[in-house]
């Protein structure tokens, strides 16, 4: 599940949006500008937003699985 979420946010959705915008705008914007815009939006913006949202909703995952902290003090 995690692999597909990362693949979707880092590769599939940016390429889809680049293709759609390039098709409808017809090269009025440079390809490098489109790649930069959609890469920053999906990979930096949405991916980090969802990671922060998961951390706020489920702090136990980060504390236990990543840092190895078992006490409940880290969940606050």
N, C-alpha and C. Protein backbone atom coordinates (compact mmCIF):
# COMPACT_ATOMS: atom_id res chain seq x y z
N UNK A 1 0.83 -1.19 0.00
CA UNK A 1 0.00 0.00 0.00
C UNK A 1 0.87 1.25 0.00
N UNK A 2 1.90 1.26 0.85
CA UNK A 2 2.78 2.43 0.93
C UNK A 2 3.51 2.65 -0.39
N UNK A 3 3.98 1.57 -1.00
CA UNK A 3 4.68 1.68 -2.28
C UNK A 3 3.80 2.32 -3.33
N UNK A 4 2.55 1.91 -3.41
CA UNK A 4 1.64 2.46 -4.43
C UNK A 4 1.28 3.90 -4.15
N UNK A 5 1.16 4.27 -2.90
CA UNK A 5 0.89 5.67 -2.57
C UNK A 5 2.05 6.57 -2.98
N UNK A 6 3.26 6.11 -2.72
CA UNK A 6 4.45 6.89 -3.10
C UNK A 6 4.58 6.94 -4.62
N UNK A 7 4.38 5.82 -5.28
CA UNK A 7 4.47 5.80 -6.75
C UNK A 7 3.41 6.70 -7.37
N UNK A 8 2.23 6.69 -6.82
CA UNK A 8 1.15 7.53 -7.34
C UNK A 8 1.48 9.01 -7.18
N UNK A 9 1.96 9.39 -6.01
CA UNK A 9 2.23 10.81 -5.74
C UNK A 9 3.53 11.30 -6.37
N UNK A 10 4.50 10.42 -6.60
CA UNK A 10 5.79 10.87 -7.13
C UNK A 10 5.92 10.71 -8.64
N UNK A 11 5.20 9.79 -9.24
CA UNK A 11 5.40 9.54 -10.66
C UNK A 11 4.12 9.63 -11.48
N UNK A 12 3.11 8.89 -11.09
CA UNK A 12 1.92 8.74 -11.93
C UNK A 12 1.12 10.04 -12.04
N UNK A 13 0.74 10.62 -10.91
CA UNK A 13 -0.06 11.85 -10.95
C UNK A 13 0.69 13.04 -11.56
N UNK A 14 1.97 13.27 -11.22
CA UNK A 14 2.66 14.38 -11.90
C UNK A 14 2.72 14.19 -13.42
N UNK A 15 3.02 12.97 -13.89
CA UNK A 15 3.09 12.75 -15.33
C UNK A 15 1.73 12.91 -15.98
N UNK A 16 0.69 12.47 -15.31
CA UNK A 16 -0.66 12.62 -15.84
C UNK A 16 -1.03 14.10 -15.99
N UNK A 17 -0.77 14.89 -14.97
CA UNK A 17 -1.10 16.30 -15.01
C UNK A 17 -0.23 17.07 -16.01
N UNK A 18 1.03 16.67 -16.13
CA UNK A 18 1.91 17.29 -17.14
C UNK A 18 1.36 17.02 -18.53
N UNK A 19 0.98 15.78 -18.79
CA UNK A 19 0.43 15.42 -20.10
C UNK A 19 -0.87 16.12 -20.41
N UNK A 20 -1.75 16.20 -19.44
CA UNK A 20 -3.04 16.86 -19.66
C UNK A 20 -2.84 18.35 -19.93
N UNK A 21 -2.01 19.00 -19.13
CA UNK A 21 -1.80 20.43 -19.33
C UNK A 21 -1.06 20.72 -20.63
N UNK A 22 -0.08 19.89 -20.98
CA UNK A 22 0.64 20.09 -22.24
C UNK A 22 -0.29 19.89 -23.43
N UNK A 23 -1.20 18.94 -23.32
CA UNK A 23 -2.14 18.68 -24.41
C UNK A 23 -3.12 19.85 -24.58
N UNK A 24 -3.69 20.32 -23.48
CA UNK A 24 -4.69 21.38 -23.59
C UNK A 24 -4.11 22.76 -23.82
N UNK A 25 -2.90 23.03 -23.33
CA UNK A 25 -2.29 24.33 -23.55
C UNK A 25 -1.44 24.36 -24.82
N UNK A 26 -1.06 23.22 -25.30
CA UNK A 26 -0.36 23.13 -26.57
C UNK A 26 0.98 23.86 -26.62
N UNK A 27 1.87 23.56 -25.72
CA UNK A 27 3.23 24.09 -25.71
C UNK A 27 3.30 25.59 -25.46
N UNK A 28 2.25 26.20 -24.95
CA UNK A 28 2.36 27.62 -24.61
C UNK A 28 3.23 27.80 -23.37
N UNK A 29 3.24 26.81 -22.52
CA UNK A 29 4.15 26.82 -21.37
C UNK A 29 5.29 25.85 -21.67
N UNK A 30 6.48 26.16 -21.23
CA UNK A 30 7.61 25.29 -21.48
C UNK A 30 7.47 23.97 -20.74
N UNK A 31 8.01 22.93 -21.32
CA UNK A 31 7.91 21.61 -20.71
C UNK A 31 8.61 21.56 -19.36
N UNK A 32 9.74 22.22 -19.24
CA UNK A 32 10.46 22.24 -17.97
C UNK A 32 9.65 22.94 -16.89
N UNK A 33 8.94 24.00 -17.26
CA UNK A 33 8.09 24.71 -16.30
C UNK A 33 6.94 23.82 -15.84
N UNK A 34 6.37 23.07 -16.77
CA UNK A 34 5.27 22.15 -16.40
C UNK A 34 5.77 21.05 -15.47
N UNK A 35 6.93 20.49 -15.78
CA UNK A 35 7.50 19.44 -14.93
C UNK A 35 7.77 19.99 -13.54
N UNK A 36 8.37 21.16 -13.47
CA UNK A 36 8.66 21.77 -12.17
C UNK A 36 7.41 22.07 -11.37
N UNK A 37 6.41 22.63 -12.03
CA UNK A 37 5.18 23.00 -11.33
C UNK A 37 4.47 21.78 -10.75
N UNK A 38 4.27 20.75 -11.56
CA UNK A 38 3.51 19.59 -11.09
C UNK A 38 4.33 18.71 -10.17
N UNK A 39 5.65 18.65 -10.36
CA UNK A 39 6.50 17.91 -9.44
C UNK A 39 6.45 18.54 -8.05
N UNK A 40 6.58 19.85 -7.98
CA UNK A 40 6.53 20.54 -6.69
C UNK A 40 5.16 20.39 -6.05
N UNK A 41 4.11 20.51 -6.84
CA UNK A 41 2.75 20.39 -6.29
C UNK A 41 2.50 19.01 -5.69
N UNK A 42 2.74 17.95 -6.48
CA UNK A 42 2.41 16.60 -6.02
C UNK A 42 3.43 16.03 -5.05
N UNK A 43 4.71 16.10 -5.41
CA UNK A 43 5.73 15.44 -4.61
C UNK A 43 6.02 16.21 -3.33
N UNK A 44 6.21 17.50 -3.44
CA UNK A 44 6.54 18.28 -2.25
C UNK A 44 5.28 18.65 -1.48
N UNK A 45 4.30 19.20 -2.15
CA UNK A 45 3.11 19.69 -1.47
C UNK A 45 2.20 18.60 -0.93
N UNK A 46 1.63 17.83 -1.82
CA UNK A 46 0.63 16.83 -1.42
C UNK A 46 1.25 15.69 -0.63
N UNK A 47 2.42 15.22 -1.05
CA UNK A 47 3.07 14.10 -0.33
C UNK A 47 3.43 14.48 1.09
N UNK A 48 4.03 15.66 1.28
CA UNK A 48 4.38 16.08 2.63
C UNK A 48 3.14 16.43 3.45
N UNK A 49 2.10 16.94 2.81
CA UNK A 49 0.85 17.21 3.52
C UNK A 49 0.23 15.92 4.05
N UNK A 50 0.19 14.88 3.22
CA UNK A 50 -0.38 13.62 3.68
C UNK A 50 0.48 12.96 4.76
N UNK A 51 1.80 13.11 4.66
CA UNK A 51 2.68 12.56 5.70
C UNK A 51 2.45 13.29 7.02
N UNK A 52 2.31 14.59 6.99
CA UNK A 52 2.04 15.35 8.20
C UNK A 52 0.67 15.04 8.77
N UNK A 53 -0.31 14.86 7.91
CA UNK A 53 -1.64 14.51 8.36
C UNK A 53 -1.65 13.14 9.04
N UNK A 54 -0.93 12.20 8.46
CA UNK A 54 -0.84 10.87 9.10
C UNK A 54 -0.13 10.97 10.44
N UNK A 55 0.91 11.77 10.53
CA UNK A 55 1.62 11.95 11.80
C UNK A 55 0.70 12.55 12.86
N UNK A 56 -0.13 13.50 12.47
CA UNK A 56 -1.04 14.13 13.42
C UNK A 56 -2.14 13.16 13.86
N UNK A 57 -2.63 12.35 12.95
CA UNK A 57 -3.71 11.43 13.26
C UNK A 57 -3.20 10.18 13.97
N UNK A 58 -2.03 9.67 13.56
CA UNK A 58 -1.52 8.41 14.09
C UNK A 58 -0.05 8.56 14.52
N UNK A 59 0.22 9.23 15.64
CA UNK A 59 1.61 9.44 16.06
C UNK A 59 2.29 8.15 16.54
N UNK A 60 1.52 7.13 16.86
CA UNK A 60 2.09 5.88 17.34
C UNK A 60 2.99 5.23 16.28
N UNK A 61 2.63 5.34 15.01
CA UNK A 61 3.43 4.75 13.93
C UNK A 61 4.84 5.31 13.93
N UNK A 62 4.97 6.63 13.97
CA UNK A 62 6.29 7.24 13.94
C UNK A 62 7.09 6.91 15.18
N UNK A 63 6.45 6.98 16.33
CA UNK A 63 7.17 6.74 17.58
C UNK A 63 7.64 5.30 17.70
N UNK A 64 6.77 4.36 17.41
CA UNK A 64 7.12 2.94 17.60
C UNK A 64 7.92 2.36 16.44
N UNK A 65 7.45 2.55 15.24
CA UNK A 65 8.08 1.87 14.09
C UNK A 65 9.36 2.55 13.61
N UNK A 66 9.40 3.86 13.65
CA UNK A 66 10.58 4.55 13.12
C UNK A 66 11.62 4.80 14.21
N UNK A 67 11.18 5.35 15.35
CA UNK A 67 12.13 5.70 16.41
C UNK A 67 12.29 4.63 17.47
N UNK A 68 11.41 3.64 17.52
CA UNK A 68 11.53 2.55 18.47
C UNK A 68 11.14 2.94 19.90
N UNK A 69 10.36 3.97 20.07
CA UNK A 69 9.93 4.42 21.40
C UNK A 69 8.63 3.70 21.75
N UNK A 70 8.63 2.98 22.85
CA UNK A 70 7.44 2.21 23.23
C UNK A 70 6.57 2.89 24.27
N UNK A 71 7.08 3.91 24.95
CA UNK A 71 6.28 4.55 26.00
C UNK A 71 5.23 5.49 25.40
N UNK A 72 4.18 5.71 26.13
CA UNK A 72 3.09 6.55 25.66
C UNK A 72 3.38 8.04 25.73
N UNK A 73 4.49 8.44 26.35
CA UNK A 73 4.82 9.87 26.45
C UNK A 73 5.10 10.50 25.09
N UNK A 74 5.53 9.71 24.14
CA UNK A 74 5.88 10.25 22.83
C UNK A 74 4.66 10.50 21.95
N UNK A 75 3.50 10.02 22.38
CA UNK A 75 2.30 10.17 21.55
C UNK A 75 1.60 11.51 21.71
N UNK A 76 2.05 12.31 22.65
CA UNK A 76 1.39 13.60 22.89
C UNK A 76 1.78 14.58 21.82
